[in-house]
């Protein structure tokens, strides 16, 4: 298993996800979205695995103005805006190759091989 956790330092669920894998002896790479972020390729893989960028958005994002602006953008500009402002993403984003989840979902992770 090659687990990557994209999270935010102050996100409680990101810390829980990291603890979930460490308690089971599964190595994971933790990436701070605010510091490094996802590449376009990683974003596209996760987007495909979770069924679209709409499932990756955090409706409780702290930057309400940015979130409101995002909803008024044209469809072709939305993905670029997400990549520029990854604070819009719900965390943790946990990736295992082509599989991915958004949010804390241990019931799915336990079935990963």
C-alpha atoms as a PDB file:
ATOM      1  CA  UNK A   1       0.000   0.000   0.000  1.00  0.00           C
ATOM      2  CA  UNK A   2       1.207   3.474  -0.863  1.00  0.00           C
ATOM      3  CA  UNK A   3      -0.945   5.813   1.219  1.00  0.00           C
ATOM      4  CA  UNK A   4      -0.857   9.573   0.763  1.00  0.00           C
ATOM      5  CA  UNK A   5      -2.821  11.840   3.089  1.00  0.00           C
ATOM      6  CA  UNK A   6      -3.459  15.372   1.902  1.00  0.00           C
ATOM      7  CA  UNK A   7      -4.596  17.409   4.870  1.00  0.00           C
ATOM      8  CA  UNK A   8      -4.387  20.633   6.789  1.00  0.00           C
ATOM      9  CA  UNK A   9      -2.356  21.096   9.964  1.00  0.00           C
ATOM     10  CA  UNK A  10      -5.348  22.198  12.025  1.00  0.00           C
ATOM     11  CA  UNK A  11      -7.801  19.653  10.593  1.00  0.00           C
ATOM     12  CA  UNK A  12      -8.927  17.181  13.241  1.00  0.00           C
ATOM     13  CA  UNK A  13     -10.009  14.577  10.664  1.00  0.00           C
ATOM     14  CA  UNK A  14      -6.613  14.742   8.931  1.00  0.00           C
ATOM     15  CA  UNK A  15      -4.914  13.919  12.221  1.00  0.00           C
ATOM     16  CA  UNK A  16      -7.378  11.076  12.837  1.00  0.00           C
ATOM     17  CA  UNK A  17      -6.656   9.639   9.377  1.00  0.00           C
ATOM     18  CA  UNK A  18      -2.912   9.738  10.008  1.00  0.00           C
ATOM     19  CA  UNK A  19      -3.404   8.040  13.371  1.00  0.00           C
ATOM     20  CA  UNK A  20      -5.673   5.391  11.765  1.00  0.00           C
ATOM     21  CA  UNK A  21      -2.914   4.216   9.419  1.00  0.00           C
ATOM     22  CA  UNK A  22      -0.086   4.494  11.958  1.00  0.00           C
ATOM     23  CA  UNK A  23      -2.015   2.382  14.498  1.00  0.00           C
ATOM     24  CA  UNK A  24      -2.277  -0.367  11.882  1.00  0.00           C
ATOM     25  CA  UNK A  25       1.407  -0.202  11.000  1.00  0.00           C
ATOM     26  CA  UNK A  26       0.729   1.180   7.526  1.00  0.00           C
ATOM     27  CA  UNK A  27       3.238   3.745   6.339  1.00  0.00           C
ATOM     28  CA  UNK A  28       1.731   6.902   4.955  1.00  0.00           C
ATOM     29  CA  UNK A  29       3.010  10.087   3.423  1.00  0.00           C
ATOM     30  CA  UNK A  30       1.376  13.187   4.902  1.00  0.00           C
ATOM     31  CA  UNK A  31       1.223  16.289   2.717  1.00  0.00           C
ATOM     32  CA  UNK A  32       0.047  19.658   3.990  1.00  0.00           C
ATOM     33  CA  UNK A  33      -2.316  21.127   1.388  1.00  0.00           C
ATOM     34  CA  UNK A  34      -1.621  24.664   2.554  1.00  0.00           C
ATOM     35  CA  UNK A  35       2.160  24.210   2.295  1.00  0.00           C
ATOM     36  CA  UNK A  36       2.772  21.943  -0.717  1.00  0.00           C
ATOM     37  CA  UNK A  37      -0.612  21.090  -2.177  1.00  0.00           C
ATOM     38  CA  UNK A  38      -1.656  18.609  -4.844  1.00  0.00           C
ATOM     39  CA  UNK A  39      -0.249  18.555  -8.333  1.00  0.00           C
ATOM     40  CA  UNK A  40      -2.632  18.702 -11.272  1.00  0.00           C
ATOM     41  CA  UNK A  41      -2.082  14.979 -11.926  1.00  0.00           C
ATOM     42  CA  UNK A  42      -2.824  14.022  -8.317  1.00  0.00           C
ATOM     43  CA  UNK A  43      -5.901  16.242  -8.349  1.00  0.00           C
ATOM     44  CA  UNK A  44      -7.183  14.610 -11.555  1.00  0.00           C
ATOM     45  CA  UNK A  45      -6.621  11.083 -10.168  1.00  0.00           C
ATOM     46  CA  UNK A  46      -8.491  11.883  -6.957  1.00  0.00           C
ATOM     47  CA  UNK A  47     -11.238  13.688  -8.872  1.00  0.00           C
ATOM     48  CA  UNK A  48     -11.761  10.617 -11.053  1.00  0.00           C
ATOM     49  CA  UNK A  49     -11.757   8.252  -8.056  1.00  0.00           C
ATOM     50  CA  UNK A  50     -14.340  10.225  -6.049  1.00  0.00           C
ATOM     51  CA  UNK A  51     -16.644  11.087  -8.936  1.00  0.00           C
ATOM     52  CA  UNK A  52     -15.804  14.715  -9.702  1.00  0.00           C
ATOM     53  CA  UNK A  53     -14.430  17.831  -8.059  1.00  0.00           C
ATOM     54  CA  UNK A  54     -17.878  18.622  -6.597  1.00  0.00           C
ATOM     55  CA  UNK A  55     -17.363  15.754  -4.139  1.00  0.00           C
ATOM     56  CA  UNK A  56     -14.038  17.264  -3.072  1.00  0.00           C
ATOM     57  CA  UNK A  57     -15.350  20.713  -2.099  1.00  0.00           C
ATOM     58  CA  UNK A  58     -15.568  21.762   1.529  1.00  0.00           C
ATOM     59  CA  UNK A  59     -18.895  23.545   2.041  1.00  0.00           C
ATOM     60  CA  UNK A  60     -17.649  24.571   5.495  1.00  0.00           C
ATOM     61  CA  UNK A  61     -14.548  26.287   4.087  1.00  0.00           C
ATOM     62  CA  UNK A  62     -13.356  29.118   6.335  1.00  0.00           C
ATOM     63  CA  UNK A  63     -12.913  31.493   3.389  1.00  0.00           C
ATOM     64  CA  UNK A  64     -16.604  32.073   2.613  1.00  0.00           C
ATOM     65  CA  UNK A  65     -15.841  34.843   0.096  1.00  0.00           C
ATOM     66  CA  UNK A  66     -13.608  32.541  -1.950  1.00  0.00           C
ATOM     67  CA  UNK A  67     -16.230  29.792  -1.805  1.00  0.00           C
ATOM     68  CA  UNK A  68     -18.937  32.204  -3.003  1.00  0.00           C
ATOM     69  CA  UNK A  69     -16.683  33.411  -5.834  1.00  0.00           C
ATOM     70  CA  UNK A  70     -15.994  29.819  -6.814  1.00  0.00           C
ATOM     71  CA  UNK A  71     -19.693  29.066  -7.315  1.00  0.00           C
ATOM     72  CA  UNK A  72     -20.032  31.997  -9.735  1.00  0.00           C
ATOM     73  CA  UNK A  73     -17.122  30.924 -11.958  1.00  0.00           C
ATOM     74  CA  UNK A  74     -17.709  29.238 -15.298  1.00  0.00           C
ATOM     75  CA  UNK A  75     -17.314  25.442 -15.321  1.00  0.00           C
ATOM     76  CA  UNK A  76     -14.039  25.546 -17.258  1.00  0.00           C
ATOM     77  CA  UNK A  77     -12.439  27.888 -14.681  1.00  0.00           C
ATOM     78  CA  UNK A  78     -13.491  26.016 -11.532  1.00  0.00           C
ATOM     79  CA  UNK A  79     -10.825  23.295 -11.526  1.00  0.00           C
ATOM     80  CA  UNK A  80      -8.052  25.846 -12.060  1.00  0.00           C
ATOM     81  CA  UNK A  81      -9.413  27.899  -9.128  1.00  0.00           C
ATOM     82  CA  UNK A  82      -9.396  24.815  -6.887  1.00  0.00           C
ATOM     83  CA  UNK A  83      -5.765  24.089  -7.769  1.00  0.00           C
ATOM     84  CA  UNK A  84      -4.819  27.710  -6.987  1.00  0.00           C
ATOM     85  CA  UNK A  85      -6.796  27.739  -3.706  1.00  0.00           C
ATOM     86  CA  UNK A  86      -6.663  24.286  -2.169  1.00  0.00           C
ATOM     87  CA  UNK A  87      -8.269  25.600   1.015  1.00  0.00           C
ATOM     88  CA  UNK A  88     -11.526  24.845  -0.860  1.00  0.00           C
ATOM     89  CA  UNK A  89     -10.880  21.091  -0.594  1.00  0.00           C
ATOM     90  CA  UNK A  90     -12.414  18.923   2.106  1.00  0.00           C
ATOM     91  CA  UNK A  91      -9.765  17.076   4.083  1.00  0.00           C
ATOM     92  CA  UNK A  92      -8.362  14.552   4.546  1.00  0.00           C
ATOM     93  CA  UNK A  93      -7.928  13.379   0.995  1.00  0.00           C
ATOM     94  CA  UNK A  94      -6.510   9.868   1.297  1.00  0.00           C
ATOM     95  CA  UNK A  95      -5.020   8.268  -1.777  1.00  0.00           C
ATOM     96  CA  UNK A  96      -3.902   4.710  -2.417  1.00  0.00           C
ATOM     97  CA  UNK A  97      -2.797   4.461  -6.048  1.00  0.00           C
ATOM     98  CA  UNK A  98      -5.929   4.950  -8.164  1.00  0.00           C
ATOM     99  CA  UNK A  99      -8.234   4.709  -5.129  1.00  0.00           C
ATOM    100  CA  UNK A 100      -9.091   7.796  -3.111  1.00  0.00           C
ATOM    101  CA  UNK A 101     -11.475   9.105  -0.473  1.00  0.00           C
ATOM    102  CA  UNK A 102     -12.415  12.560   0.726  1.00  0.00           C
ATOM    103  CA  UNK A 103     -13.090  12.997   4.422  1.00  0.00           C
ATOM    104  CA  UNK A 104     -12.547  10.553   7.287  1.00  0.00           C
ATOM    105  CA  UNK A 105     -13.707   7.167   5.919  1.00  0.00           C
ATOM    106  CA  UNK A 106     -12.089   4.235   7.762  1.00  0.00           C
ATOM    107  CA  UNK A 107     -14.866   1.865   6.584  1.00  0.00           C
ATOM    108  CA  UNK A 108     -13.496   2.234   3.034  1.00  0.00           C
ATOM    109  CA  UNK A 109      -9.804   2.246   4.015  1.00  0.00           C
ATOM    110  CA  UNK A 110     -10.046  -1.112   5.805  1.00  0.00           C
ATOM    111  CA  UNK A 111     -10.885  -2.780   2.460  1.00  0.00           C
ATOM    112  CA  UNK A 112      -7.834  -1.379   0.665  1.00  0.00           C
ATOM    113  CA  UNK A 113      -5.021  -3.785  -0.139  1.00  0.00           C
END
